[in-house]
Structure formats: structure tokens, C-alpha cells
PDB file of N, CA and C in Angstrom:
ATOM      1  N   MET A   1     -17.764 -23.316  40.058  1.00  0.00           N
ATOM      2  CA  MET A   1     -18.411 -24.323  40.883  1.00  0.00           C
ATOM      3  C   MET A   1     -19.874 -24.406  40.470  1.00  0.00           C
ATOM      4  N   ASN A   2     -20.343 -25.629  40.273  1.00  0.00           N
ATOM      5  CA  ASN A   2     -21.740 -25.842  39.935  1.00  0.00           C
ATOM      6  C   ASN A   2     -22.591 -25.778  41.188  1.00  0.00           C
ATOM      7  N   VAL A   3     -23.755 -25.174  41.065  1.00  0.00           N
ATOM      8  CA  VAL A   3     -24.707 -25.123  42.165  1.00  0.00           C
ATOM      9  C   VAL A   3     -25.737 -26.212  41.922  1.00  0.00           C
ATOM     10  N   LEU A   4     -25.878 -27.117  42.871  1.00  0.00           N
ATOM     11  CA  LEU A   4     -26.877 -28.185  42.762  1.00  0.00           C
ATOM     12  C   LEU A   4     -28.225 -27.621  43.190  1.00  0.00           C
ATOM     13  N   ARG A   5     -29.193 -27.720  42.321  1.00  0.00           N
ATOM     14  CA  ARG A   5     -30.524 -27.201  42.626  1.00  0.00           C
ATOM     15  C   ARG A   5     -31.381 -28.347  43.145  1.00  0.00           C
ATOM     16  N   ILE A   6     -31.940 -28.152  44.322  1.00  0.00           N
ATOM     17  CA  ILE A   6     -32.749 -29.173  44.971  1.00  0.00           C
ATOM     18  C   ILE A   6     -34.207 -28.727  44.943  1.00  0.00           C
ATOM     19  N   ALA A   7     -35.071 -29.618  44.480  1.00  0.00           N
ATOM     20  CA  ALA A   7     -36.508 -29.333  44.427  1.00  0.00           C
ATOM     21  C   ALA A   7     -37.222 -30.102  45.535  1.00  0.00           C
ATOM     22  N   ALA A   8     -38.493 -29.787  45.720  1.00  0.00           N
ATOM     23  CA  ALA A   8     -39.287 -30.453  46.747  1.00  0.00           C
ATOM     24  C   ALA A   8     -39.395 -31.949  46.487  1.00  0.00           C
ATOM     25  N   HIS A   9     -39.356 -32.357  45.224  1.00  0.00           N
ATOM     26  CA  HIS A   9     -39.515 -33.772  44.875  1.00  0.00           C
ATOM     27  C   HIS A   9     -38.179 -34.459  44.593  1.00  0.00           C
ATOM     28  N   SER A  10     -37.059 -33.794  44.873  1.00  0.00           N
ATOM     29  CA  SER A  10     -35.743 -34.393  44.632  1.00  0.00           C
ATOM     30  C   SER A  10     -35.519 -35.600  45.528  1.00  0.00           C
ATOM     31  N   ASN A  11     -34.877 -36.617  44.980  1.00  0.00           N
ATOM     32  CA  ASN A  11     -34.514 -37.804  45.753  1.00  0.00           C
ATOM     33  C   ASN A  11     -33.256 -37.455  46.551  1.00  0.00           C
ATOM     34  N   ALA A  12     -33.358 -37.417  47.865  1.00  0.00           N
ATOM     35  CA  ALA A  12     -32.249 -36.991  48.719  1.00  0.00           C
ATOM     36  C   ALA A  12     -31.041 -37.908  48.595  1.00  0.00           C
ATOM     37  N   GLY A  13     -31.246 -39.195  48.414  1.00  0.00           N
ATOM     38  CA  GLY A  13     -30.138 -40.138  48.282  1.00  0.00           C
ATOM     39  C   GLY A  13     -29.335 -39.902  47.009  1.00  0.00           C
ATOM     40  N   LEU A  14     -30.033 -39.700  45.893  1.00  0.00           N
ATOM     41  CA  LEU A  14     -29.339 -39.433  44.632  1.00  0.00           C
ATOM     42  C   LEU A  14     -28.636 -38.084  44.670  1.00  0.00           C
ATOM     43  N   ALA A  15     -29.316 -37.098  45.239  1.00  0.00           N
ATOM     44  CA  ALA A  15     -28.712 -35.765  45.349  1.00  0.00           C
ATOM     45  C   ALA A  15     -27.488 -35.803  46.259  1.00  0.00           C
ATOM     46  N   ALA A  16     -27.519 -36.646  47.292  1.00  0.00           N
ATOM     47  CA  ALA A  16     -26.372 -36.778  48.194  1.00  0.00           C
ATOM     48  C   ALA A  16     -25.167 -37.352  47.459  1.00  0.00           C
ATOM     49  N   GLY A  17     -25.396 -38.298  46.571  1.00  0.00           N
ATOM     50  CA  GLY A  17     -24.308 -38.836  45.761  1.00  0.00           C
ATOM     51  C   GLY A  17     -23.703 -37.764  44.866  1.00  0.00           C
ATOM     52  N   ALA A  18     -24.560 -36.941  44.270  1.00  0.00           N
ATOM     53  CA  ALA A  18     -24.073 -35.844  43.425  1.00  0.00           C
ATOM     54  C   ALA A  18     -23.312 -34.825  44.259  1.00  0.00           C
ATOM     55  N   LEU A  19     -23.805 -34.539  45.457  1.00  0.00           N
ATOM     56  CA  LEU A  19     -23.132 -33.603  46.357  1.00  0.00           C
ATOM     57  C   LEU A  19     -21.769 -34.146  46.781  1.00  0.00           C
ATOM     58  N   ALA A  20     -21.707 -35.419  47.135  1.00  0.00           N
ATOM     59  CA  ALA A  20     -20.437 -36.027  47.551  1.00  0.00           C
ATOM     60  C   ALA A  20     -19.421 -35.991  46.413  1.00  0.00           C
ATOM     61  N   ASN A  21     -19.859 -36.282  45.196  1.00  0.00           N
ATOM     62  CA  ASN A  21     -18.945 -36.235  44.056  1.00  0.00           C
ATOM     63  C   ASN A  21     -18.479 -34.819  43.764  1.00  0.00           C
ATOM     64  N   ALA A  22     -19.389 -33.861  43.846  1.00  0.00           N
ATOM     65  CA  ALA A  22     -19.008 -32.464  43.628  1.00  0.00           C
ATOM     66  C   ALA A  22     -18.010 -32.017  44.698  1.00  0.00           C
ATOM     67  N   PHE A  23     -18.230 -32.457  45.934  1.00  0.00           N
ATOM     68  CA  PHE A  23     -17.319 -32.102  47.014  1.00  0.00           C
ATOM     69  C   PHE A  23     -15.951 -32.739  46.817  1.00  0.00           C
ATOM     70  N   ARG A  24     -15.929 -33.995  46.364  1.00  0.00           N
ATOM     71  CA  ARG A  24     -14.649 -34.672  46.120  1.00  0.00           C
ATOM     72  C   ARG A  24     -13.838 -33.956  45.049  1.00  0.00           C
ATOM     73  N   GLU A  25     -14.513 -33.445  44.043  1.00  0.00           N
ATOM     74  CA  GLU A  25     -13.815 -32.789  42.941  1.00  0.00           C
ATOM     75  C   GLU A  25     -13.371 -31.367  43.280  1.00  0.00           C
ATOM     76  N   GLU A  26     -14.189 -30.626  44.016  1.00  0.00           N
ATOM     77  CA  GLU A  26     -13.925 -29.208  44.258  1.00  0.00           C
ATOM     78  C   GLU A  26     -13.415 -28.903  45.667  1.00  0.00           C
ATOM     79  N   GLY A  27     -13.770 -29.736  46.652  1.00  0.00           N
ATOM     80  CA  GLY A  27     -13.413 -29.438  48.041  1.00  0.00           C
ATOM     81  C   GLY A  27     -14.432 -28.556  48.735  1.00  0.00           C
ATOM     82  N   VAL A  28     -15.431 -28.105  47.997  1.00  0.00           N
ATOM     83  CA  VAL A  28     -16.541 -27.312  48.517  1.00  0.00           C
ATOM     84  C   VAL A  28     -17.707 -27.513  47.551  1.00  0.00           C
ATOM     85  N   ALA A  29     -18.932 -27.401  48.037  1.00  0.00           N
ATOM     86  CA  ALA A  29     -20.098 -27.578  47.166  1.00  0.00           C
ATOM     87  C   ALA A  29     -21.199 -26.620  47.601  1.00  0.00           C
ATOM     88  N   GLU A  30     -22.111 -26.351  46.682  1.00  0.00           N
ATOM     89  CA  GLU A  30     -23.240 -25.480  46.997  1.00  0.00           C
ATOM     90  C   GLU A  30     -24.534 -26.112  46.522  1.00  0.00           C
ATOM     91  N   LEU A  31     -25.568 -25.990  47.359  1.00  0.00           N
ATOM     92  CA  LEU A  31     -26.913 -26.421  47.011  1.00  0.00           C
ATOM     93  C   LEU A  31     -27.812 -25.205  47.084  1.00  0.00           C
ATOM     94  N   GLN A  32     -28.880 -25.215  46.305  1.00  0.00           N
ATOM     95  CA  GLN A  32     -29.827 -24.112  46.321  1.00  0.00           C
ATOM     96  C   GLN A  32     -31.225 -24.690  46.368  1.00  0.00           C
ATOM     97  N   ALA A  33     -32.079 -24.112  47.210  1.00  0.00           N
ATOM     98  CA  ALA A  33     -33.443 -24.606  47.363  1.00  0.00           C
ATOM     99  C   ALA A  33     -34.399 -23.434  47.513  1.00  0.00           C
ATOM    100  N   ILE A  34     -35.590 -23.578  46.932  1.00  0.00           N
ATOM    101  CA  ILE A  34     -36.634 -22.557  47.062  1.00  0.00           C
ATOM    102  C   ILE A  34     -37.873 -23.240  47.616  1.00  0.00           C
ATOM    103  N   GLY A  35     -38.331 -22.792  48.763  1.00  0.00           N
ATOM    104  CA  GLY A  35     -39.526 -23.350  49.391  1.00  0.00           C
ATOM    105  C   GLY A  35     -39.185 -24.288  50.530  1.00  0.00           C
ATOM    106  N   PRO A  36     -40.117 -24.438  51.465  1.00  0.00           N
ATOM    107  CA  PRO A  36     -39.845 -25.236  52.664  1.00  0.00           C
ATOM    108  C   PRO A  36     -39.586 -26.720  52.392  1.00  0.00           C
ATOM    109  N   LYS A  37     -40.303 -27.321  51.455  1.00  0.00           N
ATOM    110  CA  LYS A  37     -40.087 -28.740  51.162  1.00  0.00           C
ATOM    111  C   LYS A  37     -38.743 -28.956  50.493  1.00  0.00           C
ATOM    112  N   ALA A  38     -38.351 -28.035  49.628  1.00  0.00           N
ATOM    113  CA  ALA A  38     -37.043 -28.148  48.967  1.00  0.00           C
ATOM    114  C   ALA A  38     -35.917 -27.953  49.972  1.00  0.00           C
ATOM    115  N   VAL A  39     -36.095 -27.029  50.922  1.00  0.00           N
ATOM    116  CA  VAL A  39     -35.080 -26.822  51.965  1.00  0.00           C
ATOM    117  C   VAL A  39     -34.950 -28.087  52.809  1.00  0.00           C
ATOM    118  N   ASN A  40     -36.072 -28.725  53.113  1.00  0.00           N
ATOM    119  CA  ASN A  40     -36.053 -29.981  53.863  1.00  0.00           C
ATOM    120  C   ASN A  40     -35.252 -31.045  53.104  1.00  0.00           C
ATOM    121  N   GLN A  41     -35.493 -31.175  51.807  1.00  0.00           N
ATOM    122  CA  GLN A  41     -34.763 -32.154  51.002  1.00  0.00           C
ATOM    123  C   GLN A  41     -33.277 -31.811  50.931  1.00  0.00           C
ATOM    124  N   ALA A  42     -32.942 -30.526  50.891  1.00  0.00           N
ATOM    125  CA  ALA A  42     -31.536 -30.112  50.841  1.00  0.00           C
ATOM    126  C   ALA A  42     -30.813 -30.491  52.132  1.00  0.00           C
ATOM    127  N   VAL A  43     -31.461 -30.289  53.264  1.00  0.00           N
ATOM    128  CA  VAL A  43     -30.839 -30.649  54.543  1.00  0.00           C
ATOM    129  C   VAL A  43     -30.674 -32.168  54.642  1.00  0.00           C
ATOM    130  N   LYS A  44     -31.666 -32.928  54.187  1.00  0.00           N
ATOM    131  CA  LYS A  44     -31.534 -34.389  54.156  1.00  0.00           C
ATOM    132  C   LYS A  44     -30.371 -34.803  53.256  1.00  0.00           C
ATOM    133  N   THR A  45     -30.255 -34.139  52.123  1.00  0.00           N
ATOM    134  CA  THR A  45     -29.172 -34.427  51.182  1.00  0.00           C
ATOM    135  C   THR A  45     -27.818 -34.249  51.837  1.00  0.00           C
ATOM    136  N   ILE A  46     -27.646 -33.158  52.559  1.00  0.00           N
ATOM    137  CA  ILE A  46     -26.370 -32.890  53.226  1.00  0.00           C
ATOM    138  C   ILE A  46     -26.100 -33.931  54.304  1.00  0.00           C
ATOM    139  N   ALA A  47     -27.130 -34.302  55.051  1.00  0.00           N
ATOM    140  CA  ALA A  47     -26.958 -35.308  56.108  1.00  0.00           C
ATOM    141  C   ALA A  47     -26.533 -36.655  55.527  1.00  0.00           C
ATOM    142  N   ILE A  48     -27.127 -37.043  54.410  1.00  0.00           N
ATOM    143  CA  ILE A  48     -26.777 -38.324  53.788  1.00  0.00           C
ATOM    144  C   ILE A  48     -25.366 -38.253  53.207  1.00  0.00           C
ATOM    145  N   ALA A  49     -25.038 -37.148  52.539  1.00  0.00           N
ATOM    146  CA  ALA A  49     -23.695 -36.990  51.958  1.00  0.00           C
ATOM    147  C   ALA A  49     -22.634 -36.981  53.045  1.00  0.00           C
ATOM    148  N   ARG A  50     -22.970 -36.442  54.202  1.00  0.00           N
ATOM    149  CA  ARG A  50     -22.040 -36.441  55.337  1.00  0.00           C
ATOM    150  C   ARG A  50     -21.667 -37.869  55.713  1.00  0.00           C
ATOM    151  N   GLY A  51     -22.652 -38.760  55.677  1.00  0.00           N
ATOM    152  CA  GLY A  51     -22.390 -40.172  55.940  1.00  0.00           C
ATOM    153  C   GLY A  51     -21.536 -40.814  54.859  1.00  0.00           C
ATOM    154  N   TYR A  52     -21.781 -40.427  53.606  1.00  0.00           N
ATOM    155  CA  TYR A  52     -20.993 -40.969  52.495  1.00  0.00           C
ATOM    156  C   TYR A  52     -19.513 -40.608  52.629  1.00  0.00           C
ATOM    157  N   LEU A  53     -19.223 -39.392  53.083  1.00  0.00           N
ATOM    158  CA  LEU A  53     -17.845 -38.904  53.126  1.00  0.00           C
ATOM    159  C   LEU A  53     -17.151 -39.160  54.462  1.00  0.00           C
ATOM    160  N   ALA A  54     -17.890 -39.603  55.462  1.00  0.00           N
ATOM    161  CA  ALA A  54     -17.308 -39.800  56.795  1.00  0.00           C
ATOM    162  C   ALA A  54     -16.182 -40.834  56.779  1.00  0.00           C
ATOM    163  N   SER A  55     -16.313 -41.866  55.967  1.00  0.00           N
ATOM    164  CA  SER A  55     -15.283 -42.898  55.918  1.00  0.00           C
ATOM    165  C   SER A  55     -13.974 -42.375  55.317  1.00  0.00           C
ATOM    166  N   SER A  56     -14.038 -41.247  54.623  1.00  0.00           N
ATOM    167  CA  SER A  56     -12.837 -40.621  54.060  1.00  0.00           C
ATOM    168  C   SER A  56     -12.206 -39.630  55.034  1.00  0.00           C
ATOM    169  N   GLY A  57     -12.778 -39.510  56.226  1.00  0.00           N
ATOM    170  CA  GLY A  57     -12.256 -38.581  57.220  1.00  0.00           C
ATOM    171  C   GLY A  57     -12.741 -37.159  57.027  1.00  0.00           C
ATOM    172  N   VAL A  58     -13.808 -36.979  56.267  1.00  0.00           N
ATOM    173  CA  VAL A  58     -14.348 -35.651  55.999  1.00  0.00           C
ATOM    174  C   VAL A  58     -15.559 -35.430  56.895  1.00  0.00           C
ATOM    175  N   ASP A  59     -15.590 -34.304  57.601  1.00  0.00           N
ATOM    176  CA  ASP A  59     -16.710 -33.945  58.468  1.00  0.00           C
ATOM    177  C   ASP A  59     -17.373 -32.706  57.879  1.00  0.00           C
ATOM    178  N   LEU A  60     -18.499 -32.914  57.183  1.00  0.00           N
ATOM    179  CA  LEU A  60     -19.168 -31.811  56.492  1.00  0.00           C
ATOM    180  C   LEU A  60     -19.987 -30.945  57.439  1.00  0.00           C
ATOM    181  N   TYR A  61     -20.059 -29.675  57.095  1.00  0.00           N
ATOM    182  CA  TYR A  61     -21.006 -28.752  57.710  1.00  0.00           C
ATOM    183  C   TYR A  61     -21.472 -27.804  56.619  1.00  0.00           C
ATOM    184  N   PHE A  62     -22.558 -27.050  56.877  1.00  0.00           N
ATOM    185  CA  PHE A  62     -23.018 -26.114  55.857  1.00  0.00           C
ATOM    186  C   PHE A  62     -23.280 -24.751  56.466  1.00  0.00           C
ATOM    187  N   VAL A  63     -23.192 -23.740  55.607  1.00  0.00           N
ATOM    188  CA  VAL A  63     -23.483 -22.368  55.979  1.00  0.00           C
ATOM    189  C   VAL A  63     -24.633 -21.900  55.088  1.00  0.00           C
ATOM    190  N   PRO A  64     -25.807 -21.620  55.665  1.00  0.00           N
ATOM    191  CA  PRO A  64     -26.931 -21.171  54.840  1.00  0.00           C
ATOM    192  C   PRO A  64     -26.857 -19.665  54.578  1.00  0.00           C
ATOM    193  N   SER A  65     -27.368 -19.258  53.427  1.00  0.00           N
ATOM    194  CA  SER A  65     -27.480 -17.829  53.103  1.00  0.00           C
ATOM    195  C   SER A  65     -28.665 -17.651  52.162  1.00  0.00           C
ATOM    196  N   PHE A  66     -29.176 -16.431  52.109  1.00  0.00           N
ATOM    197  CA  PHE A  66     -30.289 -16.137  51.202  1.00  0.00           C
ATOM    198  C   PHE A  66     -29.736 -15.769  49.838  1.00  0.00           C
ATOM    199  N   VAL A  67     -30.502 -16.109  48.807  1.00  0.00           N
ATOM    200  CA  VAL A  67     -30.119 -15.786  47.440  1.00  0.00           C
ATOM    201  C   VAL A  67     -31.388 -15.412  46.673  1.00  0.00           C
ATOM    202  N   ASP A  68     -31.293 -14.366  45.850  1.00  0.00           N
ATOM    203  CA  ASP A  68     -32.416 -13.984  44.992  1.00  0.00           C
ATOM    204  C   ASP A  68     -32.285 -14.710  43.665  1.00  0.00           C
ATOM    205  N   VAL A  69     -33.370 -15.362  43.257  1.00  0.00           N
ATOM    206  CA  VAL A  69     -33.375 -16.156  42.035  1.00  0.00           C
ATOM    207  C   VAL A  69     -34.479 -15.636  41.128  1.00  0.00           C
ATOM    208  N   GLU A  70     -34.163 -15.476  39.850  1.00  0.00           N
ATOM    209  CA  GLU A  70     -35.174 -15.066  38.884  1.00  0.00           C
ATOM    210  C   GLU A  70     -35.685 -16.287  38.147  1.00  0.00           C
ATOM    211  N   LEU A  71     -36.974 -16.540  38.267  1.00  0.00           N
ATOM    212  CA  LEU A  71     -37.627 -17.651  37.555  1.00  0.00           C
ATOM    213  C   LEU A  71     -38.593 -17.028  36.558  1.00  0.00           C
ATOM    214  N   GLY A  72     -38.154 -16.953  35.316  1.00  0.00           N
ATOM    215  CA  GLY A  72     -38.969 -16.268  34.315  1.00  0.00           C
ATOM    216  C   GLY A  72     -38.968 -14.777  34.626  1.00  0.00           C
ATOM    217  N   ASP A  73     -40.149 -14.205  34.824  1.00  0.00           N
ATOM    218  CA  ASP A  73     -40.274 -12.782  35.183  1.00  0.00           C
ATOM    219  C   ASP A  73     -40.399 -12.594  36.680  1.00  0.00           C
ATOM    220  N   GLU A  74     -40.411 -13.669  37.409  1.00  0.00           N
ATOM    221  CA  GLU A  74     -40.652 -13.622  38.855  1.00  0.00           C
ATOM    222  C   GLU A  74     -39.332 -13.711  39.629  1.00  0.00           C
ATOM    223  N   LYS A  75     -39.230 -12.908  40.676  1.00  0.00           N
ATOM    224  CA  LYS A  75     -38.053 -12.941  41.536  1.00  0.00           C
ATOM    225  C   LYS A  75     -38.429 -13.653  42.831  1.00  0.00           C
ATOM    226  N   ARG A  76     -37.672 -14.698  43.182  1.00  0.00           N
ATOM    227  CA  ARG A  76     -37.948 -15.472  44.390  1.00  0.00           C
ATOM    228  C   ARG A  76     -36.726 -15.465  45.278  1.00  0.00           C
ATOM    229  N   THR A  77     -36.950 -15.678  46.565  1.00  0.00           N
ATOM    230  CA  THR A  77     -35.845 -15.791  47.507  1.00  0.00           C
ATOM    231  C   THR A  77     -35.654 -17.262  47.837  1.00  0.00           C
ATOM    232  N   GLY A  78     -34.435 -17.718  47.694  1.00  0.00           N
ATOM    233  CA  GLY A  78     -34.107 -19.100  47.999  1.00  0.00           C
ATOM    234  C   GLY A  78     -33.042 -19.149  49.071  1.00  0.00           C
ATOM    235  N   ILE A  79     -32.675 -20.350  49.440  1.00  0.00           N
ATOM    236  CA  ILE A  79     -31.605 -20.535  50.417  1.00  0.00           C
ATOM    237  C   ILE A  79     -30.483 -21.294  49.731  1.00  0.00           C
ATOM    238  N   ARG A  80     -29.277 -20.779  49.895  1.00  0.00           N
ATOM    239  CA  ARG A  80     -28.090 -21.445  49.357  1.00  0.00           C
ATOM    240  C   ARG A  80     -27.327 -22.048  50.527  1.00  0.00           C
ATOM    241  N   PHE A  81     -26.959 -23.311  50.388  1.00  0.00           N
ATOM    242  CA  PHE A  81     -26.184 -24.014  51.398  1.00  0.00           C
ATOM    243  C   PHE A  81     -24.771 -24.195  50.858  1.00  0.00           C
ATOM    244  N   THR A  82     -23.807 -23.557  51.495  1.00  0.00           N
ATOM    245  CA  THR A  82     -22.408 -23.761  51.135  1.00  0.00           C
ATOM    246  C   THR A  82     -21.884 -24.868  52.031  1.00  0.00           C
ATOM    247  N   VAL A  83     -21.441 -25.960  51.423  1.00  0.00           N
ATOM    248  CA  VAL A  83     -21.018 -27.149  52.164  1.00  0.00           C
ATOM    249  C   VAL A  83     -19.496 -27.188  52.193  1.00  0.00           C
ATOM    250  N   ARG A  84     -18.955 -27.282  53.393  1.00  0.00           N
ATOM    251  CA  ARG A  84     -17.510 -27.303  53.613  1.00  0.00           C
ATOM    252  C   ARG A  84     -17.161 -28.447  54.566  1.00  0.00           C
ATOM    253  N   SER A  85     -15.881 -28.610  54.839  1.00  0.00           N
ATOM    254  CA  SER A  85     -15.424 -29.651  55.753  1.00  0.00           C
ATOM    255  C   SER A  85     -14.761 -29.025  56.975  1.00  0.00           C
ATOM    256  N   ARG A  86     -15.035 -29.581  58.147  1.00  0.00           N
ATOM    257  CA  ARG A  86     -14.372 -29.129  59.376  1.00  0.00           C
ATOM    258  C   ARG A  86     -12.921 -29.592  59.418  1.00  0.00           C
ATOM    259  N   THR A  87     -12.659 -30.708  58.787  1.00  0.00           N
ATOM    260  CA  THR A  87     -11.324 -31.301  58.800  1.00  0.00           C
ATOM    261  C   THR A  87     -10.623 -30.964  57.487  1.00  0.00           C
ATOM    262  N   PRO A  88      -9.293 -30.984  57.489  1.00  0.00           N
ATOM    263  CA  PRO A  88      -8.593 -30.783  56.214  1.00  0.00           C
ATOM    264  C   PRO A  88      -9.014 -31.855  55.217  1.00  0.00           C
ATOM    265  N   VAL A  89      -9.266 -31.443  54.001  1.00  0.00           N
ATOM    266  CA  VAL A  89      -9.782 -32.358  52.993  1.00  0.00           C
ATOM    267  C   VAL A  89      -8.630 -33.024  52.242  1.00  0.00           C
ATOM    268  N   PRO A  90      -8.535 -34.351  52.330  1.00  0.00           N
ATOM    269  CA  PRO A  90      -7.530 -35.047  51.525  1.00  0.00           C
ATOM    270  C   PRO A  90      -7.969 -35.041  50.066  1.00  0.00           C
ATOM    271  N   LEU A  91      -7.072 -35.390  49.190  1.00  0.00           N
ATOM    272  CA  LEU A  91      -7.406 -35.482  47.781  1.00  0.00           C
ATOM    273  C   LEU A  91      -8.436 -36.589  47.600  1.00  0.00           C
ATOM    274  N   LEU A  92      -9.634 -36.231  47.176  1.00  0.00           N
ATOM    275  CA  LEU A  92     -10.721 -37.205  47.072  1.00  0.00           C
ATOM    276  C   LEU A  92     -11.263 -37.302  45.656  1.00  0.00           C
ATOM    277  N   ARG A  93     -10.409 -37.087  44.671  1.00  0.00           N
ATOM    278  CA  ARG A  93     -10.874 -37.127  43.290  1.00  0.00           C
ATOM    279  C   ARG A  93     -11.546 -38.460  43.005  1.00  0.00           C
ATOM    280  N   VAL A  94     -12.637 -38.389  42.293  1.00  0.00           N
ATOM    281  CA  VAL A  94     -13.395 -39.580  41.952  1.00  0.00           C
ATOM    282  C   VAL A  94     -12.604 -40.409  40.952  1.00  0.00           C
ATOM    283  N   ARG A  95     -12.501 -41.682  41.221  1.00  0.00           N
ATOM    284  CA  ARG A  95     -11.813 -42.597  40.321  1.00  0.00           C
ATOM    285  C   ARG A  95     -12.796 -43.017  39.240  1.00  0.00           C
ATOM    286  N   ARG A  96     -12.390 -42.939  38.010  1.00  0.00           N
ATOM    287  CA  ARG A  96     -13.237 -43.324  36.891  1.00  0.00           C
ATOM    288  C   ARG A  96     -13.229 -44.838  36.727  1.00  0.00           C
ATOM    289  N   ARG A  97     -14.265 -45.382  36.117  1.00  0.00           N
ATOM    290  CA  ARG A  97     -14.333 -46.828  35.884  1.00  0.00           C
ATOM    291  C   ARG A  97     -13.159 -47.281  35.057  1.00  0.00           C
ATOM    292  N   GLY A  98     -12.575 -48.400  35.452  1.00  0.00           N
ATOM    293  CA  GLY A  98     -11.466 -48.968  34.723  1.00  0.00           C
ATOM    294  C   GLY A  98     -10.124 -48.359  35.086  1.00  0.00           C
ATOM    295  N   GLU A  99     -10.141 -47.260  35.837  1.00  0.00           N
ATOM    296  CA  GLU A  99      -8.887 -46.623  36.234  1.00  0.00           C
ATOM    297  C   GLU A  99      -8.295 -47.415  37.390  1.00  0.00           C
ATOM    298  N   PRO A 100      -7.005 -47.736  37.335  1.00  0.00           N
ATOM    299  CA  PRO A 100      -6.417 -48.540  38.417  1.00  0.00           C
ATOM    300  C   PRO A 100      -6.350 -47.761  39.719  1.00  0.00           C
ATOM    301  N   ARG A 101      -6.365 -48.497  40.819  1.00  0.00           N
ATOM    302  CA  ARG A 101      -6.211 -47.869  42.131  1.00  0.00           C
ATOM    303  C   ARG A 101      -4.798 -47.329  42.256  1.00  0.00           C
ATOM    304  N   PRO A 102      -4.644 -46.149  42.881  1.00  0.00           N
ATOM    305  CA  PRO A 102      -3.291 -45.645  43.087  1.00  0.00           C
ATOM    306  C   PRO A 102      -2.556 -46.504  44.106  1.00  0.00           C
ATOM    307  N   ALA A 103      -1.258 -46.670  43.909  1.00  0.00           N
ATOM    308  CA  ALA A 103      -0.451 -47.468  44.834  1.00  0.00           C
ATOM    309  C   ALA A 103      -0.281 -46.706  46.135  1.00  0.00           C
ATOM    310  N   GLU A 104      -0.271 -47.424  47.231  1.00  0.00           N
ATOM    311  CA  GLU A 104      -0.038 -46.789  48.525  1.00  0.00           C
ATOM    312  C   GLU A 104       1.457 -46.525  48.653  1.00  0.00           C
ATOM    313  N   PRO A 105       1.851 -45.265  48.869  1.00  0.00           N
ATOM    314  CA  PRO A 105       3.273 -44.944  48.854  1.00  0.00           C
ATOM    315  C   PRO A 105       4.077 -45.570  49.990  1.00  0.00           C
ATOM    316  N   ASP A 106       3.478 -45.759  51.150  1.00  0.00           N
ATOM    317  CA  ASP A 106       4.212 -46.275  52.292  1.00  0.00           C
ATOM    318  C   ASP A 106       3.940 -47.753  52.557  1.00  0.00           C
ATOM    319  N   ALA A 107       3.250 -48.416  51.631  1.00  0.00           N
ATOM    320  CA  ALA A 107       2.912 -49.820  51.843  1.00  0.00           C
ATOM    321  C   ALA A 107       4.155 -50.685  51.588  1.00  0.00           C
ATOM    322  N   PRO A 108       4.430 -51.629  52.481  1.00  0.00           N
ATOM    323  CA  PRO A 108       5.577 -52.510  52.263  1.00  0.00           C
ATOM    324  C   PRO A 108       5.314 -53.434  51.079  1.00  0.00           C
ATOM    325  N   GLU A 109       6.368 -53.795  50.404  1.00  0.00           N
ATOM    326  CA  GLU A 109       6.253 -54.714  49.274  1.00  0.00           C
ATOM    327  C   GLU A 109       5.797 -56.076  49.791  1.00  0.00           C
ATOM    328  N   LYS A 110       4.869 -56.690  49.091  1.00  0.00           N
ATOM    329  CA  LYS A 110       4.401 -58.012  49.479  1.00  0.00           C
ATOM    330  C   LYS A 110       5.336 -59.050  48.900  1.00  0.00           C
ATOM    331  N   GLU A 111       5.644 -60.009  49.697  1.00  0.00           N
ATOM    332  CA  GLU A 111       6.475 -61.103  49.231  1.00  0.00           C
ATOM    333  C   GLU A 111       5.592 -62.289  48.923  1.00  0.00           C
ATOM    334  N   TRP A 112       5.777 -62.843  47.742  1.00  0.00           N
ATOM    335  CA  TRP A 112       4.987 -63.976  47.329  1.00  0.00           C
ATOM    336  C   TRP A 112       5.840 -65.226  47.434  1.00  0.00           C
ATOM    337  N   GLN A 113       5.210 -66.263  47.929  1.00  0.00           N
ATOM    338  CA  GLN A 113       5.919 -67.522  48.068  1.00  0.00           C
ATOM    339  C   GLN A 113       5.291 -68.546  47.132  1.00  0.00           C
ATOM    340  N   ASP A 114       6.158 -69.313  46.509  1.00  0.00           N
ATOM    341  CA  ASP A 114       5.652 -70.406  45.686  1.00  0.00           C
ATOM    342  C   ASP A 114       5.262 -71.558  46.604  1.00  0.00           C
ATOM    343  N   LEU A 115       4.091 -72.068  46.416  1.00  0.00           N
ATOM    344  CA  LEU A 115       3.634 -73.179  47.264  1.00  0.00           C
ATOM    345  C   LEU A 115       3.783 -74.487  46.547  1.00  0.00           C
TER     346      LEU A 115
END
């Protein structure tokens, strides 16, 4: 699983899209932030991604934990956010461009009439 690193200057909307895609592919995602401004951006990211996935029936929550990170010769303490869903996660694989939509298995056949 890839850990999304959030900085103080990260765009929360773009990071939320990356988080939503990572969650769709894995069913769980992790963000990491060092410093108060980065933690603020990480929480905003999760809130925005929660809105992105709500229409799919996914209700996100996160569990924070501390993590030691080595930056060069310096050791820093960061916060890792493990993002999960309260509801069972349906298959949410990202559809690639040009890939056809999957057929709905229980959809009735449409009847076409010549006019």
C-alpha cells in the first residue's frame, strides 16, 4: 500500500482525488503528515475524499497514529492517518479511459421500437 505524503502546501482537493482513487483500488488508504499545517491539510483531504466516495455508499473514517520518519539525518515524528470505511466496501475499481461500463447484471433488457 502506498502512503500518501501530505505537506503544508498540498492542495487538499487534488490530494482527496488521489486518496479516493487509492481507496477504490485497495479498500484502505494511508496518509502521512509532519507538522501542524500538514496535519490540517491531511484532515481536509480526508473530509473532501469522504464527499467524493459518499455517492458510492462508502462512509470513510480515519485512525490516527504516530510514526517516526527519517528525513536525511534528522528523525521527526509525524502522524499517519489510516483511512477505512464504516460500511462494507463494494468493488470500486477505477475505470480507465475508453473502458466500457460494466453491464448491470439485474437490469431488464430494453426493448427498442421502430418509430
